[in-house]
Amino acid sequence: MCGIYFSYSGESVLEPSGDLIERLRRRGPDHFNRVTVKHSSGFLEFSASVLSLRGVEVTRQPLQDPSSNSIFCWNGEAWKVRNIPIEKNDAEAIFQTLFQAGGSDNIATALQEERDIEDAVVQTLSHVSGPFAFIFYHAQSGKIFYGRDFLGRRSLLRRAGQDGSITLSSVCDGPSSETWTEVEADGIYVIHLPHASNQEPKIVERHLAWQDMSEEQKLLKYPKSVPLPSYSKISRLNLTSPALDALHQKLRGSLNLRVMNIPRPPSPTKEPAKVALLFSGGLDCTLLARILHEILPKELDVDLLNVAFENPRVLKAANAGNFKVTAPYMECPDRVTGLSSHAELQQVCSGRTWRFVFIDVPYTETVSYRPQVATLIYPHNTEMDLSIACALYFAARGRGTVCDVSGNSTSYTTPARVLLSGLGADEIFAGYTRHATSFTRRGYQGLSDELELDYQRLGKRNLGRDDRIISHWGREVRYPYLDEDFLRWALQLPLWHKCGFEQSSGPGLLASRGEDGPPLEPSKKLLRLLTWKLGMESAAKEKKRAIQFGARTAKMESGKSKGTQVLP
């Protein structure tokens, strides 16, 4: 994972500000470097920081080809290219692949036409499996290619100056008169630099959507048509449904890619945890933990990061109702479910240290860090964005306390540089209340339309923002539910194999026992059944709860504020 930066100016070198350099460095604490190129029409500045998680040593960026002076900045994890796993450093592998496109050692000699150069870059990156954002300067053609993966799992922002300058960056230095915008996760963009200083740079009118680039990408597009069989012909989801074994296999494969061969993090601890989970104790993250136990050797510890906030509005309301809150953190909903699922993990998955990290955030600390969090999430700027980001900010910091078997607590900060998140499960398997409502109103077609909307806006609403927040602590978040192979399977799975709304007598009601199996919520029922089958029965019953309400970061001062309200 890295922080990447590019700027073009026709007048002088446009260096990142001191604040921006600091934010880029925090994303990649292992290395930072800058490269300046004098172009015929102006100045190009490239900067990159590196969090080294691939290969045996730190791969320094920006990568530069000495023969052509082409430059590559990569922020991502390419697990596979054309379905072939990448064993070595992925940034080097992608850069090398770009130069071998078209069957030659040098893209400039193999593809002389400008259109062919664009196609070569497009075809290479459209076959990458994994999250990424990139900036590629092809010196021979004078073109800058940039973009994000099809879901937008890595952040990339763009700013156009009034003087014709252009800036790209993983993070920004806050609102300005020249507004930053998020690069859309819909394909590759090209800046064609002018050949003379008296010409202004322009965006080439060529943009190819990801789903039009390859057959692999087309399968990642949400299916439009929904076959609608008679309800009487739908096989009910239960513990013997074939989809359970397929789900188990696909999710295990996704997790395996994301947790194997992680280098030892820098830590004085003898055997530091390499992996941590953003852990509310809910269904999605607990299922990941349960399957993770099947993959990692038992001697490897796993940290469970559980965050809880002091919320003065909740405390005031409780006290006004003659219900005195004596332990504001322990009574947070996510703390209650977190401890419950932790206990269940210890029982079902014994022999491993599941380290529960109590991350308690006083109200005063929340207030003092809000300006920094608001800057990191920009251009997202609503109350909901801020409340979600605050929970992720302190959870990813990973600093709290741990308790021994005698109940004695000590300070602890996780050394893990890889964090696992359950994001994506709700959007794929129908986990939100609005999904049940859509099904009630319009059946499976209504549910499909709602799921498609959620799936398409993941990058715009969640992933870029979350990447800017979590990566600030020099950690990388990985999303097993958003793996390409997993998604190709899940998107083609009939909706009635994912959820059980037609089996319940109403949205949110438990299914009855009998042929339907255990009494579980109909939302994400396939995930619930697998969790139950793997022995985590309490976790399988957990209801969906948004992070801002589970951790109590929402509505701290007033219950009347709306999530869509723009930050002051």
Protein backbone atom coordinates (compact mmCIF):
# COMPACT_ATOMS: atom_id res chain seq x y z
CA MET A 1 0.00 0.00 0.00
CA CYS A 2 1.33 3.43 -0.86
CA GLY A 3 0.65 7.12 -1.07
CA ILE A 4 1.02 8.45 -4.61
CA TYR A 5 1.17 11.98 -6.02
CA PHE A 6 1.53 13.63 -9.44
CA SER A 7 1.42 17.23 -10.60
CA TYR A 8 1.80 19.05 -13.89
CA SER A 9 2.43 22.76 -14.19
CA GLY A 10 3.47 24.75 -17.22
CA GLU A 11 5.21 27.38 -15.09
CA SER A 12 7.21 25.69 -12.29
CA VAL A 13 7.47 22.51 -10.24
CA LEU A 14 4.22 22.10 -8.28
CA GLU A 15 5.42 20.42 -5.11
CA PRO A 16 3.05 18.89 -2.57
CA SER A 17 2.53 21.04 0.51
CA GLY A 18 4.20 20.14 3.79
CA ASP A 19 0.91 18.84 5.18
CA LEU A 20 0.30 16.74 2.10
CA ILE A 21 3.80 15.25 2.22
CA GLU A 22 3.21 14.29 5.85
CA ARG A 23 -0.07 12.56 4.97
CA LEU A 24 1.55 10.71 2.09
CA ARG A 25 4.41 9.60 4.35
CA ARG A 26 2.01 8.27 6.96
CA ARG A 27 0.44 5.99 4.37
CA GLY A 28 3.82 4.50 3.52
CA PRO A 29 6.29 4.70 6.43
CA ASP A 30 8.92 2.42 4.83
CA HIS A 31 10.06 4.71 2.02
CA PHE A 32 9.37 8.10 0.45
CA ASN A 33 10.82 9.61 -2.72
CA ARG A 34 10.17 12.29 -5.31
CA VAL A 35 11.05 12.50 -9.00
CA THR A 36 10.88 15.68 -11.09
CA VAL A 37 10.76 15.59 -14.89
CA LYS A 38 11.23 18.59 -17.19
CA HIS A 39 8.81 18.17 -20.07
CA SER A 40 8.81 20.33 -23.20
CA SER A 41 5.63 22.02 -22.00
CA GLY A 42 6.26 22.23 -18.27
CA PHE A 43 7.19 20.32 -15.14
CA LEU A 44 6.07 16.91 -13.90
CA GLU A 45 6.37 16.00 -10.23
CA PHE A 46 5.95 12.43 -8.94
CA SER A 47 5.99 11.40 -5.27
CA ALA A 48 5.35 8.07 -3.59
CA SER A 49 5.52 6.55 -0.13
CA VAL A 50 5.65 2.79 0.45
CA LEU A 51 4.17 0.41 3.01
CA SER A 52 6.06 -2.75 2.14
CA LEU A 53 3.81 -5.81 2.21
CA ARG A 54 4.92 -7.67 -0.95
CA GLY A 55 8.29 -9.15 -1.81
CA VAL A 56 11.35 -9.79 0.33
CA GLU A 57 12.52 -6.17 0.47
CA VAL A 58 11.16 -2.66 0.11
CA THR A 59 10.43 -1.75 -3.52
CA ARG A 60 11.11 1.93 -3.82
CA GLN A 61 8.72 4.14 -5.70
CA PRO A 62 8.20 5.98 -7.97
CA LEU A 63 9.41 3.23 -10.33
CA GLN A 64 11.35 4.59 -13.30
CA ASP A 65 12.47 2.95 -16.53
CA PRO A 66 16.00 4.22 -17.23
CA SER A 67 15.83 3.69 -20.99
CA SER A 68 12.63 5.64 -21.60
CA ASN A 69 12.23 7.76 -18.42
CA SER A 70 8.69 6.43 -18.04
CA ILE A 71 7.46 6.54 -14.43
CA PHE A 72 5.00 4.41 -12.49
CA CYS A 73 3.29 5.06 -9.14
CA TRP A 74 1.26 2.14 -7.75
CA ASN A 75 -1.01 2.00 -4.72
CA GLY A 76 -2.57 -1.42 -4.65
CA GLU A 77 -2.41 -5.17 -4.29
CA ALA A 78 -2.39 -7.06 -7.57
CA TRP A 79 -3.13 -10.61 -6.48
CA LYS A 80 -3.35 -11.93 -10.03
CA VAL A 81 -2.89 -10.76 -13.62
CA ARG A 82 -4.89 -12.72 -16.21
CA ASN A 83 -5.71 -15.12 -13.39
CA ILE A 84 -2.01 -15.92 -12.78
CA PRO A 85 -0.93 -15.26 -9.17
CA ILE A 86 1.83 -12.70 -8.59
CA GLU A 87 4.40 -14.06 -6.16
CA LYS A 88 6.90 -11.19 -6.24
CA ASN A 89 6.38 -7.48 -5.72
CA ASP A 90 3.24 -6.49 -7.59
CA ALA A 91 4.26 -2.90 -8.41
CA GLU A 92 7.32 -4.15 -10.28
CA ALA A 93 5.29 -6.90 -11.95
CA ILE A 94 2.64 -4.48 -13.26
CA PHE A 95 5.25 -1.99 -14.45
CA GLN A 96 7.09 -4.76 -16.29
CA THR A 97 3.84 -6.04 -17.79
CA LEU A 98 3.05 -2.59 -19.17
CA PHE A 99 6.33 -2.62 -21.05
CA GLN A 100 5.75 -6.11 -22.40
CA ALA A 101 2.28 -5.30 -23.70
CA GLY A 102 1.95 -6.07 -27.37
CA GLY A 103 4.58 -8.83 -27.32
CA SER A 104 7.68 -6.63 -27.17
CA ASP A 105 10.11 -5.62 -24.46
CA ASN A 106 9.33 -1.98 -24.97
CA ILE A 107 5.85 -0.57 -25.36
CA ALA A 108 7.19 2.30 -27.47
CA THR A 109 8.65 0.05 -30.15
CA ALA A 110 5.80 -2.48 -30.11
CA LEU A 111 2.98 0.02 -30.35
CA GLN A 112 3.70 3.11 -32.36
CA GLU A 113 0.22 4.48 -32.69
CA GLU A 114 -1.14 6.49 -29.79
CA ARG A 115 -4.41 4.57 -29.82
CA ASP A 116 -2.47 1.31 -29.52
CA ILE A 117 -0.53 2.62 -26.53
CA GLU A 118 -3.76 3.43 -24.75
CA ASP A 119 -5.21 0.02 -25.58
CA ALA A 120 -2.11 -1.73 -24.23
CA VAL A 121 -2.37 0.04 -20.88
CA VAL A 122 -6.10 -0.55 -20.71
CA GLN A 123 -5.83 -4.25 -21.51
CA THR A 124 -3.07 -4.79 -18.96
CA LEU A 125 -4.88 -3.15 -16.05
CA SER A 126 -8.30 -4.55 -16.91
CA HIS A 127 -6.93 -8.03 -16.18
CA VAL A 128 -5.56 -7.16 -12.74
CA SER A 129 -7.33 -8.80 -9.79
CA GLY A 130 -7.04 -6.72 -6.66
CA PRO A 131 -7.49 -3.16 -5.42
CA PHE A 132 -5.43 -0.38 -6.93
CA ALA A 133 -4.97 3.23 -7.89
CA PHE A 134 -2.16 4.15 -10.26
CA ILE A 135 -0.36 6.91 -12.16
CA PHE A 136 1.68 5.97 -15.23
CA TYR A 137 3.73 8.42 -17.27
CA HIS A 138 4.50 7.03 -20.73
CA ALA A 139 7.35 9.30 -21.74
CA GLN A 140 7.45 8.43 -25.47
CA SER A 141 3.85 9.46 -26.07
CA GLY A 142 3.74 12.23 -23.47
CA LYS A 143 0.69 10.70 -21.82
CA ILE A 144 -0.29 10.35 -18.19
CA PHE A 145 -2.59 7.40 -17.44
CA TYR A 146 -4.38 7.24 -14.11
CA GLY A 147 -7.36 5.56 -12.50
CA ARG A 148 -8.79 3.28 -9.83
CA ASP A 149 -9.93 -0.32 -9.92
CA PHE A 150 -13.52 -1.05 -10.94
CA LEU A 151 -14.82 -0.82 -7.35
CA GLY A 152 -12.65 2.08 -6.22
CA ARG A 153 -11.01 0.22 -3.34
CA ARG A 154 -8.09 2.65 -3.28
CA SER A 155 -8.30 6.42 -3.08
CA LEU A 156 -7.25 8.81 -5.84
CA LEU A 157 -8.15 12.49 -5.94
CA ARG A 158 -7.82 15.10 -8.67
CA ARG A 159 -7.47 18.88 -8.60
CA ALA A 160 -7.45 21.20 -11.60
CA GLY A 161 -5.86 24.59 -11.02
CA GLN A 162 -7.03 27.82 -12.55
CA ASP A 163 -3.56 28.18 -14.11
CA GLY A 164 -3.94 24.94 -16.07
CA SER A 165 -2.09 22.81 -13.54
CA ILE A 166 -3.28 19.29 -12.69
CA THR A 167 -2.70 17.38 -9.45
CA LEU A 168 -3.44 13.76 -8.55
CA SER A 169 -3.00 12.38 -5.03
CA SER A 170 -4.09 9.57 -2.69
CA VAL A 171 -5.02 12.23 -0.12
CA CYS A 172 -5.46 15.97 -0.13
CA ASP A 173 -4.45 18.86 2.10
CA GLY A 174 -8.03 19.95 2.76
CA PRO A 175 -10.61 22.15 1.06
CA SER A 176 -9.28 24.94 -1.12
CA SER A 177 -10.47 27.35 -3.77
CA GLU A 178 -9.30 24.77 -6.30
CA THR A 179 -11.50 21.90 -5.20
CA TRP A 180 -10.34 18.31 -5.01
CA THR A 181 -12.64 15.71 -6.54
CA GLU A 182 -12.57 11.93 -6.33
CA VAL A 183 -11.49 10.15 -9.50
CA GLU A 184 -14.38 8.00 -10.66
CA ALA A 185 -13.83 4.24 -10.46
CA ASP A 186 -15.17 3.69 -13.97
CA GLY A 187 -12.09 3.14 -16.08
CA ILE A 188 -8.82 4.74 -17.12
CA TYR A 189 -8.27 8.44 -17.74
CA VAL A 190 -5.59 9.93 -19.97
CA ILE A 191 -3.88 13.31 -19.85
CA HIS A 192 -2.18 14.13 -23.14
CA LEU A 193 0.57 16.64 -22.44
CA PRO A 194 1.09 19.35 -25.06
CA HIS A 195 4.29 19.29 -27.09
CA ALA A 196 5.02 22.97 -26.60
CA SER A 197 4.85 25.35 -23.66
CA ASN A 198 2.30 27.58 -25.38
CA GLN A 199 -0.28 24.74 -25.46
CA GLU A 200 -2.45 23.86 -22.50
CA PRO A 201 -2.80 20.25 -21.30
CA LYS A 202 -6.01 18.51 -22.20
CA ILE A 203 -7.84 15.36 -21.23
CA VAL A 204 -7.99 13.09 -24.25
CA GLU A 205 -11.60 12.39 -25.18
CA ARG A 206 -11.09 8.69 -24.70
CA HIS A 207 -12.43 6.80 -21.74
CA LEU A 208 -13.20 3.10 -21.62
CA ALA A 209 -15.42 1.71 -18.87
CA TRP A 210 -14.02 -1.27 -17.00
CA GLN A 211 -16.84 -3.63 -17.92
CA ASP A 212 -16.19 -3.09 -21.64
CA MET A 213 -12.52 -4.05 -21.44
CA SER A 214 -12.57 -7.82 -21.02
CA GLU A 215 -14.85 -10.77 -20.45
CA GLU A 216 -13.55 -10.99 -16.88
CA GLN A 217 -14.63 -7.42 -16.21
CA LYS A 218 -18.04 -7.98 -17.78
CA LEU A 219 -18.75 -10.71 -15.22
CA LEU A 220 -18.16 -8.15 -12.46
CA LYS A 221 -21.00 -5.99 -13.70
CA TYR A 222 -24.19 -6.38 -11.70
CA PRO A 223 -26.58 -8.67 -13.65
CA LYS A 224 -29.52 -6.74 -15.06
CA SER A 225 -32.04 -9.50 -15.59
CA VAL A 226 -33.54 -11.35 -12.64
CA PRO A 227 -35.25 -14.67 -13.42
CA LEU A 228 -38.42 -14.84 -11.40
CA PRO A 229 -39.54 -18.41 -10.73
CA SER A 230 -42.71 -19.23 -8.89
CA TYR A 231 -42.19 -18.95 -5.14
CA SER A 232 -43.43 -22.51 -4.84
CA LYS A 233 -40.47 -23.67 -6.97
CA ILE A 234 -37.79 -21.86 -4.96
CA SER A 235 -35.71 -24.25 -2.88
CA ARG A 236 -35.57 -22.89 0.64
CA LEU A 237 -32.21 -21.97 2.12
CA ASN A 238 -31.17 -24.32 4.90
CA LEU A 239 -28.09 -26.03 6.29
CA THR A 240 -27.98 -28.52 3.42
CA SER A 241 -28.17 -25.96 0.60
CA PRO A 242 -25.33 -26.48 -1.93
CA ALA A 243 -24.57 -22.75 -1.89
CA LEU A 244 -23.20 -23.07 1.66
CA ASP A 245 -20.25 -25.21 0.62
CA ALA A 246 -19.57 -22.95 -2.37
CA LEU A 247 -19.65 -19.87 -0.15
CA HIS A 248 -17.24 -21.50 2.29
CA GLN A 249 -14.83 -22.44 -0.49
CA LYS A 250 -14.94 -19.06 -2.24
CA LEU A 251 -14.56 -17.02 0.94
CA ARG A 252 -11.71 -19.19 2.13
CA GLY A 253 -9.96 -18.69 -1.20
CA SER A 254 -10.40 -14.93 -0.95
CA LEU A 255 -9.07 -14.85 2.60
CA ASN A 256 -6.14 -17.07 1.73
CA LEU A 257 -4.92 -14.57 -0.88
CA ARG A 258 -5.11 -11.75 1.64
CA VAL A 259 -3.45 -13.28 4.70
CA MET A 260 -0.70 -15.58 3.45
CA ASN A 261 2.92 -14.42 3.10
CA ILE A 262 2.43 -11.19 5.06
CA PRO A 263 5.89 -10.03 6.18
CA ARG A 264 6.65 -9.73 9.87
CA PRO A 265 5.72 -6.22 11.01
CA PRO A 266 8.39 -4.13 12.76
CA SER A 267 7.79 -4.81 16.46
CA PRO A 268 9.83 -5.69 19.57
CA THR A 269 7.31 -8.46 20.26
CA LYS A 270 8.68 -11.96 19.67
CA GLU A 271 5.75 -13.07 17.51
CA PRO A 272 3.73 -9.95 16.64
CA ALA A 273 0.27 -10.27 15.14
CA LYS A 274 0.42 -9.88 11.38
CA VAL A 275 -3.34 -9.61 10.87
CA ALA A 276 -6.08 -7.74 12.72
CA LEU A 277 -9.82 -7.53 12.11
CA LEU A 278 -12.04 -4.47 12.37
CA PHE A 279 -14.24 -6.31 14.83
CA SER A 280 -17.71 -5.30 15.94
CA GLY A 281 -18.67 -8.89 16.70
CA GLY A 282 -21.27 -8.78 13.95
CA LEU A 283 -21.99 -11.48 11.41
CA ASP A 284 -19.66 -10.41 8.59
CA CYS A 285 -16.42 -9.89 10.52
CA THR A 286 -17.01 -12.89 12.79
CA LEU A 287 -17.46 -15.22 9.82
CA LEU A 288 -14.15 -13.91 8.44
CA ALA A 289 -12.48 -14.63 11.78
CA ARG A 290 -13.93 -18.14 11.88
CA ILE A 291 -12.65 -19.03 8.39
CA LEU A 292 -9.35 -17.28 9.06
CA HIS A 293 -8.82 -19.84 11.83
CA GLU A 294 -8.84 -22.58 9.18
CA ILE A 295 -6.06 -20.86 7.21
CA LEU A 296 -3.52 -19.41 9.64
CA PRO A 297 -1.30 -21.64 11.78
CA LYS A 298 -2.60 -21.69 15.35
CA GLU A 299 0.58 -20.18 16.74
CA LEU A 300 -0.16 -16.91 14.92
CA ASP A 301 -2.13 -14.46 17.06
CA VAL A 302 -5.02 -12.46 15.62
CA ASP A 303 -5.97 -9.04 16.98
CA LEU A 304 -9.65 -8.05 17.17
CA LEU A 305 -9.98 -4.25 17.11
CA ASN A 306 -13.17 -3.18 18.88
CA VAL A 307 -13.94 0.52 19.23
CA ALA A 308 -16.42 2.21 21.58
CA PHE A 309 -17.09 5.92 22.11
CA GLU A 310 -18.26 8.07 24.97
CA ASN A 311 -21.41 9.72 23.61
CA PRO A 312 -22.65 12.58 25.84
CA ARG A 313 -26.10 12.67 24.23
CA VAL A 314 -26.71 8.99 24.98
CA LEU A 315 -25.41 9.40 28.54
CA LYS A 316 -27.60 12.45 29.12
CA ALA A 317 -30.71 10.67 27.84
CA ALA A 318 -29.97 7.63 30.00
CA ASN A 319 -29.48 9.69 33.14
CA ALA A 320 -32.65 11.66 32.44
CA GLY A 321 -34.53 8.36 32.36
CA ASN A 322 -33.25 7.40 35.79
CA PHE A 323 -30.94 4.83 34.24
CA LYS A 324 -27.43 5.68 35.31
CA VAL A 325 -24.71 4.54 32.94
CA THR A 326 -21.73 3.33 34.94
CA ALA A 327 -19.65 1.91 32.08
CA PRO A 328 -20.28 3.93 28.89
CA TYR A 329 -17.84 1.92 26.79
CA MET A 330 -18.90 -1.52 27.94
CA GLU A 331 -22.53 -0.67 27.18
CA CYS A 332 -21.87 0.33 23.55
CA PRO A 333 -23.75 -2.12 21.30
CA ASP A 334 -20.62 -3.10 19.36
CA ARG A 335 -18.73 -3.75 22.60
CA VAL A 336 -21.48 -6.09 23.79
CA THR A 337 -21.59 -8.05 20.53
CA GLY A 338 -17.81 -7.93 20.21
CA LEU A 339 -17.24 -9.57 23.57
CA SER A 340 -19.95 -12.15 22.87
CA SER A 341 -18.42 -13.17 19.53
CA HIS A 342 -14.93 -13.12 21.03
CA ALA A 343 -16.04 -15.60 23.70
CA GLU A 344 -17.61 -17.78 21.03
CA LEU A 345 -14.43 -17.69 18.94
CA GLN A 346 -12.36 -18.74 21.93
CA GLN A 347 -14.68 -21.70 22.49
CA VAL A 348 -15.08 -22.85 18.88
CA CYS A 349 -11.58 -21.94 17.66
CA SER A 350 -9.46 -22.87 20.64
CA GLY A 351 -5.67 -23.10 20.56
CA ARG A 352 -5.17 -19.59 19.16
CA THR A 353 -4.75 -16.24 20.87
CA TRP A 354 -7.67 -14.08 19.82
CA ARG A 355 -6.51 -10.77 21.30
CA PHE A 356 -9.50 -8.51 21.97
CA VAL A 357 -8.32 -4.88 21.91
CA PHE A 358 -10.54 -2.51 23.89
CA ILE A 359 -10.34 0.82 22.05
CA ASP A 360 -12.17 3.33 24.24
CA VAL A 361 -12.46 6.88 22.93
CA PRO A 362 -13.42 9.70 25.34
CA TYR A 363 -15.63 12.46 23.99
CA THR A 364 -12.85 15.05 24.44
CA GLU A 365 -10.52 13.01 22.24
CA THR A 366 -13.19 12.65 19.55
CA VAL A 367 -13.70 16.42 19.49
CA SER A 368 -9.97 17.18 19.30
CA TYR A 369 -9.42 14.84 16.33
CA ARG A 370 -12.51 15.76 14.32
CA PRO A 371 -10.75 18.45 12.22
CA GLN A 372 -8.04 15.99 11.19
CA VAL A 373 -10.59 13.31 10.34
CA ALA A 374 -12.66 15.82 8.33
CA THR A 375 -9.57 16.74 6.30
CA LEU A 376 -8.71 13.11 5.61
CA ILE A 377 -12.17 12.22 4.32
CA TYR A 378 -12.45 15.26 2.05
CA PRO A 379 -14.05 15.65 -0.50
CA HIS A 380 -16.61 13.60 1.50
CA ASN A 381 -18.12 16.14 3.85
CA THR A 382 -21.33 15.03 5.58
CA GLU A 383 -22.15 14.25 9.19
CA MET A 384 -22.59 10.58 8.29
CA ASP A 385 -19.17 10.49 6.60
CA LEU A 386 -17.59 12.01 9.69
CA SER A 387 -19.28 9.69 12.18
CA ILE A 388 -18.30 6.58 10.19
CA ALA A 389 -14.78 7.89 9.63
CA CYS A 390 -14.24 8.64 13.33
CA ALA A 391 -15.00 5.01 14.19
CA LEU A 392 -12.60 3.75 11.50
CA TYR A 393 -9.92 6.31 12.42
CA PHE A 394 -9.60 5.20 16.03
CA ALA A 395 -10.13 1.52 15.24
CA ALA A 396 -7.34 1.60 12.65
CA ARG A 397 -5.05 3.42 15.06
CA GLY A 398 -5.23 0.15 16.95
CA ARG A 399 -4.34 1.61 20.33
CA GLY A 400 -6.21 0.45 23.40
CA THR A 401 -5.96 -2.06 26.20
CA VAL A 402 -5.97 -5.85 26.47
CA CYS A 403 -6.97 -7.99 29.44
CA ASP A 404 -5.30 -11.16 30.71
CA VAL A 405 -7.15 -14.16 32.12
CA SER A 406 -7.16 -12.54 35.56
CA GLY A 407 -8.85 -9.40 34.23
CA ASN A 408 -5.76 -7.19 34.49
CA SER A 409 -5.54 -4.66 31.65
CA THR A 410 -2.44 -3.31 29.97
CA SER A 411 -1.89 -0.79 27.20
CA TYR A 412 -1.50 -2.28 23.75
CA THR A 413 -1.15 -1.12 20.16
CA THR A 414 -1.54 -3.70 17.43
CA PRO A 415 1.59 -4.17 15.29
CA ALA A 416 -0.50 -5.63 12.47
CA ARG A 417 -0.18 -3.78 9.18
CA VAL A 418 -2.98 -5.71 7.47
CA LEU A 419 -6.58 -5.14 8.60
CA LEU A 420 -9.50 -7.24 7.42
CA SER A 421 -12.93 -5.68 6.94
CA GLY A 422 -16.34 -7.23 6.33
CA LEU A 423 -17.40 -4.37 4.03
CA GLY A 424 -19.30 -5.56 0.98
CA ALA A 425 -21.27 -8.38 2.59
CA ASP A 426 -24.37 -6.19 3.06
CA GLU A 427 -24.28 -4.92 -0.52
CA ILE A 428 -23.88 -8.40 -2.03
CA PHE A 429 -26.08 -10.53 0.25
CA ALA A 430 -28.84 -8.03 1.15
CA GLY A 431 -28.03 -6.96 4.69
CA TYR A 432 -29.66 -3.55 5.02
CA THR A 433 -33.20 -2.86 6.22
CA ARG A 434 -33.94 -1.09 2.95
CA HIS A 435 -33.29 -4.38 1.13
CA ALA A 436 -36.09 -6.07 3.06
CA THR A 437 -38.31 -3.06 2.35
CA SER A 438 -37.55 -3.23 -1.38
CA PHE A 439 -38.43 -6.92 -1.42
CA THR A 440 -41.72 -6.26 0.39
CA ARG A 441 -42.70 -3.56 -2.09
CA ARG A 442 -41.50 -5.02 -5.40
CA GLY A 443 -40.30 -8.56 -4.80
CA TYR A 444 -37.02 -9.83 -6.20
CA GLN A 445 -36.87 -7.23 -8.96
CA GLY A 446 -37.10 -4.43 -6.42
CA LEU A 447 -34.46 -6.11 -4.27
CA SER A 448 -32.18 -6.54 -7.28
CA ASP A 449 -32.50 -2.88 -8.24
CA GLU A 450 -31.58 -1.79 -4.70
CA LEU A 451 -28.59 -4.14 -4.51
CA GLU A 452 -27.34 -2.95 -7.90
CA LEU A 453 -27.45 0.65 -6.69
CA ASP A 454 -25.49 -0.21 -3.54
CA TYR A 455 -22.92 -2.22 -5.48
CA GLN A 456 -22.31 0.49 -8.05
CA ARG A 457 -21.75 3.26 -5.52
CA LEU A 458 -19.38 1.40 -3.17
CA GLY A 459 -16.38 3.31 -4.49
CA LYS A 460 -18.12 6.67 -4.43
CA ARG A 461 -19.71 6.34 -0.98
CA ASN A 462 -17.36 4.16 1.05
CA LEU A 463 -14.14 2.77 -0.26
CA GLY A 464 -12.13 5.85 -1.21
CA ARG A 465 -13.07 7.60 2.02
CA ASP A 466 -12.24 4.56 4.14
CA ASP A 467 -8.90 4.08 2.40
CA ARG A 468 -7.85 7.64 3.23
CA ILE A 469 -8.78 7.17 6.88
CA ILE A 470 -7.38 3.70 7.58
CA SER A 471 -4.15 4.13 5.58
CA HIS A 472 -3.29 7.21 7.61
CA TRP A 473 -2.00 4.83 10.29
CA GLY A 474 0.36 2.96 7.97
CA ARG A 475 -2.00 0.00 7.71
CA GLU A 476 -3.72 -1.56 4.73
CA VAL A 477 -7.36 -2.63 4.78
CA ARG A 478 -8.34 -5.70 2.76
CA TYR A 479 -11.87 -6.72 1.80
CA PRO A 480 -12.40 -10.49 1.35
CA TYR A 481 -16.05 -10.00 0.32
CA LEU A 482 -14.91 -7.79 -2.57
CA ASP A 483 -12.48 -10.24 -4.14
CA GLU A 484 -12.98 -10.53 -7.92
CA ASP A 485 -13.36 -14.32 -8.01
CA PHE A 486 -15.71 -14.19 -5.04
CA LEU A 487 -17.79 -11.48 -6.70
CA ARG A 488 -18.06 -13.31 -10.02
CA TRP A 489 -19.58 -16.23 -8.14
CA ALA A 490 -21.76 -14.17 -5.79
CA LEU A 491 -23.18 -11.86 -8.46
CA GLN A 492 -24.40 -14.80 -10.50
CA LEU A 493 -25.98 -16.50 -7.49
CA PRO A 494 -29.81 -16.21 -7.48
CA LEU A 495 -31.08 -13.76 -4.88
CA TRP A 496 -33.12 -16.46 -3.13
CA HIS A 497 -29.84 -18.30 -2.50
CA LYS A 498 -28.45 -15.25 -0.68
CA CYS A 499 -31.32 -14.15 1.55
CA GLY A 500 -34.54 -15.60 2.90
CA PHE A 501 -37.08 -12.81 2.69
CA GLU A 502 -39.67 -15.05 1.07
CA GLN A 503 -39.27 -17.55 3.94
CA SER A 504 -40.19 -15.05 6.64
CA SER A 505 -43.64 -13.69 7.40
CA GLY A 506 -42.29 -10.17 7.21
CA PRO A 507 -39.05 -8.22 6.84
CA GLY A 508 -36.74 -8.71 9.79
CA LEU A 509 -38.72 -11.62 11.24
CA LEU A 510 -37.04 -14.89 12.07
CA ALA A 511 -37.66 -17.89 9.89
CA SER A 512 -39.38 -20.80 11.53
CA ARG A 513 -37.66 -24.06 12.34
CA GLY A 514 -38.22 -27.17 10.27
CA GLU A 515 -37.17 -27.30 6.65
CA ASP A 516 -35.83 -23.73 6.92
CA GLY A 517 -33.27 -24.79 9.51
CA PRO A 518 -32.32 -22.67 12.54
CA PRO A 519 -34.30 -19.49 13.37
CA LEU A 520 -32.23 -16.83 11.65
CA GLU A 521 -32.80 -13.35 10.26
CA PRO A 522 -33.67 -13.49 6.53
CA SER A 523 -31.12 -10.80 5.62
CA LYS A 524 -27.80 -12.31 4.47
CA LYS A 525 -29.24 -15.69 5.34
CA LEU A 526 -26.62 -17.63 3.37
CA LEU A 527 -23.88 -16.04 5.49
CA ARG A 528 -25.87 -16.72 8.65
CA LEU A 529 -26.35 -20.38 7.80
CA LEU A 530 -22.64 -20.87 7.11
CA THR A 531 -21.72 -19.12 10.35
CA TRP A 532 -24.16 -21.36 12.22
CA LYS A 533 -22.85 -24.48 10.47
CA LEU A 534 -19.29 -23.56 11.49
CA GLY A 535 -20.32 -23.47 15.15
CA MET A 536 -20.81 -19.72 15.67
CA GLU A 537 -24.51 -19.85 16.50
CA SER A 538 -24.70 -16.64 18.52
CA ALA A 539 -22.89 -14.63 15.85
CA ALA A 540 -25.23 -16.07 13.20
CA LYS A 541 -28.17 -14.44 14.97
CA GLU A 542 -26.68 -10.94 15.23
CA LYS A 543 -28.72 -8.19 13.61
CA LYS A 544 -27.23 -5.63 11.27
CA ARG A 545 -26.08 -2.46 12.99
CA ALA A 546 -24.36 0.47 11.30
CA ILE A 547 -20.90 1.20 12.69
CA GLN A 548 -21.76 4.77 13.71
CA PHE A 549 -24.58 3.51 15.92
CA GLY A 550 -22.84 0.38 17.17
CA ALA A 551 -19.77 2.35 18.25
CA ARG A 552 -21.90 5.42 19.12
CA THR A 553 -20.10 8.01 17.02
CA ALA A 554 -23.35 9.34 15.55
CA LYS A 555 -25.35 12.24 16.95
CA MET A 556 -23.02 12.99 19.85
CA GLU A 557 -24.36 16.45 20.62
CA SER A 558 -27.85 16.47 19.13
CA GLY A 559 -30.31 13.82 18.11
CA LYS A 560 -31.76 16.18 15.51
CA SER A 561 -28.74 16.30 13.20
CA LYS A 562 -29.13 14.46 9.90
CA GLY A 563 -26.52 12.23 8.30
CA THR A 564 -26.77 14.15 5.01
CA GLN A 565 -26.02 17.47 6.71
CA VAL A 566 -22.89 19.10 5.27
CA LEU A 567 -20.05 19.73 7.71
CA PRO A 568 -19.47 23.36 8.66
